[in-house]
Amino acid sequence: MNTPTLNKIKNDDFLEFGNSLLAFVKKENNDIHNNEMDVFAVYCGDGTLLATFESKESAIAAIIQSGLEFTNLH
């Protein structure tokens, strides 16, 4: 992997720097067949949805097992 030097990095590249290594969990309400339930969605640092889980602990474990770094947004 080529790491650009900071004095030559473009603005768009700077915004994406490290995003592919980070992941966060967001609690969401999922309505399946009129049966509401909370799910815990795992998102990549750039906001891409990766997966959903029934518990926050499972979501964080999946992040770590995937080699990503869990980050807390709060």
C-alpha atoms as a PDB file:
ATOM      1  CA  MET A   1       0.000   0.000   0.000  1.00  0.00           C
ATOM      2  CA  ASN A   2       1.370   3.372  -0.967  1.00  0.00           C
ATOM      3  CA  THR A   3       0.901   5.923   1.767  1.00  0.00           C
ATOM      4  CA  PRO A   4       0.856   9.466   0.382  1.00  0.00           C
ATOM      5  CA  THR A   5       2.924  12.052   2.171  1.00  0.00           C
ATOM      6  CA  LEU A   6       0.854  14.588   4.056  1.00  0.00           C
ATOM      7  CA  ASN A   7       2.212  17.606   2.227  1.00  0.00           C
ATOM      8  CA  LYS A   8       1.161  16.104  -1.129  1.00  0.00           C
ATOM      9  CA  ILE A   9      -2.185  14.583  -0.201  1.00  0.00           C
ATOM     10  CA  LYS A  10      -5.270  15.826  -2.043  1.00  0.00           C
ATOM     11  CA  ASN A  11      -8.382  16.938  -0.149  1.00  0.00           C
ATOM     12  CA  ASP A  12     -10.485  14.001  -1.392  1.00  0.00           C
ATOM     13  CA  ASP A  13      -7.740  11.530  -0.467  1.00  0.00           C
ATOM     14  CA  PHE A  14      -7.484  13.072   2.992  1.00  0.00           C
ATOM     15  CA  LEU A  15     -11.230  12.622   3.573  1.00  0.00           C
ATOM     16  CA  GLU A  16     -10.928   8.903   2.758  1.00  0.00           C
ATOM     17  CA  PHE A  17      -7.704   8.367   4.742  1.00  0.00           C
ATOM     18  CA  GLY A  18      -8.330   5.464   7.145  1.00  0.00           C
ATOM     19  CA  ASN A  19     -12.056   5.120   6.397  1.00  0.00           C
ATOM     20  CA  SER A  20     -11.693   1.587   5.093  1.00  0.00           C
ATOM     21  CA  LEU A  21     -10.195   0.441   8.399  1.00  0.00           C
ATOM     22  CA  LEU A  22     -12.831   1.862  10.752  1.00  0.00           C
ATOM     23  CA  ALA A  23     -16.317   0.581  11.523  1.00  0.00           C
ATOM     24  CA  PHE A  24     -19.094   1.699  13.848  1.00  0.00           C
ATOM     25  CA  VAL A  25     -22.372   0.307  15.182  1.00  0.00           C
ATOM     26  CA  LYS A  26     -25.708   2.095  14.958  1.00  0.00           C
ATOM     27  CA  LYS A  27     -28.886   0.942  16.698  1.00  0.00           C
ATOM     28  CA  GLU A  28     -31.798   0.956  14.262  1.00  0.00           C
ATOM     29  CA  ASN A  29     -35.441  -0.052  14.310  1.00  0.00           C
ATOM     30  CA  ASN A  30     -36.316  -2.705  11.758  1.00  0.00           C
ATOM     31  CA  ASP A  31     -39.941  -3.388  10.825  1.00  0.00           C
ATOM     32  CA  ILE A  32     -40.303  -6.862   9.306  1.00  0.00           C
ATOM     33  CA  HIS A  33     -43.871  -8.017   8.597  1.00  0.00           C
ATOM     34  CA  ASN A  34     -45.310  -5.564  11.150  1.00  0.00           C
ATOM     35  CA  ASN A  35     -42.995  -6.931  13.840  1.00  0.00           C
ATOM     36  CA  GLU A  36     -40.766  -4.109  15.049  1.00  0.00           C
ATOM     37  CA  MET A  37     -37.399  -5.048  16.499  1.00  0.00           C
ATOM     38  CA  ASP A  38     -34.127  -3.291  17.197  1.00  0.00           C
ATOM     39  CA  VAL A  39     -31.102  -4.318  15.173  1.00  0.00           C
ATOM     40  CA  PHE A  40     -27.495  -3.196  15.373  1.00  0.00           C
ATOM     41  CA  ALA A  41     -26.123  -2.175  11.998  1.00  0.00           C
ATOM     42  CA  VAL A  42     -22.391  -2.208  11.268  1.00  0.00           C
ATOM     43  CA  TYR A  43     -21.166   0.550   8.980  1.00  0.00           C
ATOM     44  CA  CYS A  44     -17.754   1.111   7.426  1.00  0.00           C
ATOM     45  CA  GLY A  45     -16.096   4.449   8.151  1.00  0.00           C
ATOM     46  CA  ASP A  46     -17.389   5.855   4.866  1.00  0.00           C
ATOM     47  CA  GLY A  47     -21.006   5.046   5.814  1.00  0.00           C
ATOM     48  CA  THR A  48     -21.418   1.837   3.807  1.00  0.00           C
ATOM     49  CA  LEU A  49     -23.718  -0.688   5.512  1.00  0.00           C
ATOM     50  CA  LEU A  50     -21.824  -3.938   6.068  1.00  0.00           C
ATOM     51  CA  ALA A  51     -24.215  -6.111   8.127  1.00  0.00           C
ATOM     52  CA  THR A  52     -26.877  -6.159  10.849  1.00  0.00           C
ATOM     53  CA  PHE A  53     -26.960  -8.130  14.101  1.00  0.00           C
ATOM     54  CA  GLU A  54     -29.412  -8.832  16.907  1.00  0.00           C
ATOM     55  CA  SER A  55     -27.042  -7.560  19.615  1.00  0.00           C
ATOM     56  CA  LYS A  56     -24.463  -4.822  19.929  1.00  0.00           C
ATOM     57  CA  GLU A  57     -21.952  -7.311  21.332  1.00  0.00           C
ATOM     58  CA  SER A  58     -22.276  -9.525  18.235  1.00  0.00           C
ATOM     59  CA  ALA A  59     -21.846  -6.518  15.960  1.00  0.00           C
ATOM     60  CA  ILE A  60     -18.665  -5.401  17.734  1.00  0.00           C
ATOM     61  CA  ALA A  61     -17.289  -8.960  17.733  1.00  0.00           C
ATOM     62  CA  ALA A  62     -17.865  -9.191  13.973  1.00  0.00           C
ATOM     63  CA  ILE A  63     -16.021  -5.906  13.447  1.00  0.00           C
ATOM     64  CA  ILE A  64     -13.003  -7.135  15.396  1.00  0.00           C
ATOM     65  CA  GLN A  65     -13.017 -10.584  13.750  1.00  0.00           C
ATOM     66  CA  SER A  66     -13.080  -8.911  10.336  1.00  0.00           C
ATOM     67  CA  GLY A  67      -9.878  -7.033  11.082  1.00  0.00           C
ATOM     68  CA  LEU A  68     -11.574  -3.649  11.268  1.00  0.00           C
ATOM     69  CA  GLU A  69     -11.163  -1.175  14.100  1.00  0.00           C
ATOM     70  CA  PHE A  70     -14.309  -0.481  16.124  1.00  0.00           C
ATOM     71  CA  THR A  71     -14.859   3.188  16.794  1.00  0.00           C
ATOM     72  CA  ASN A  72     -17.480   4.681  19.101  1.00  0.00           C
ATOM     73  CA  LEU A  73     -19.241   7.732  17.704  1.00  0.00           C
ATOM     74  CA  HIS A  74     -20.461   9.021  21.065  1.00  0.00           C
END
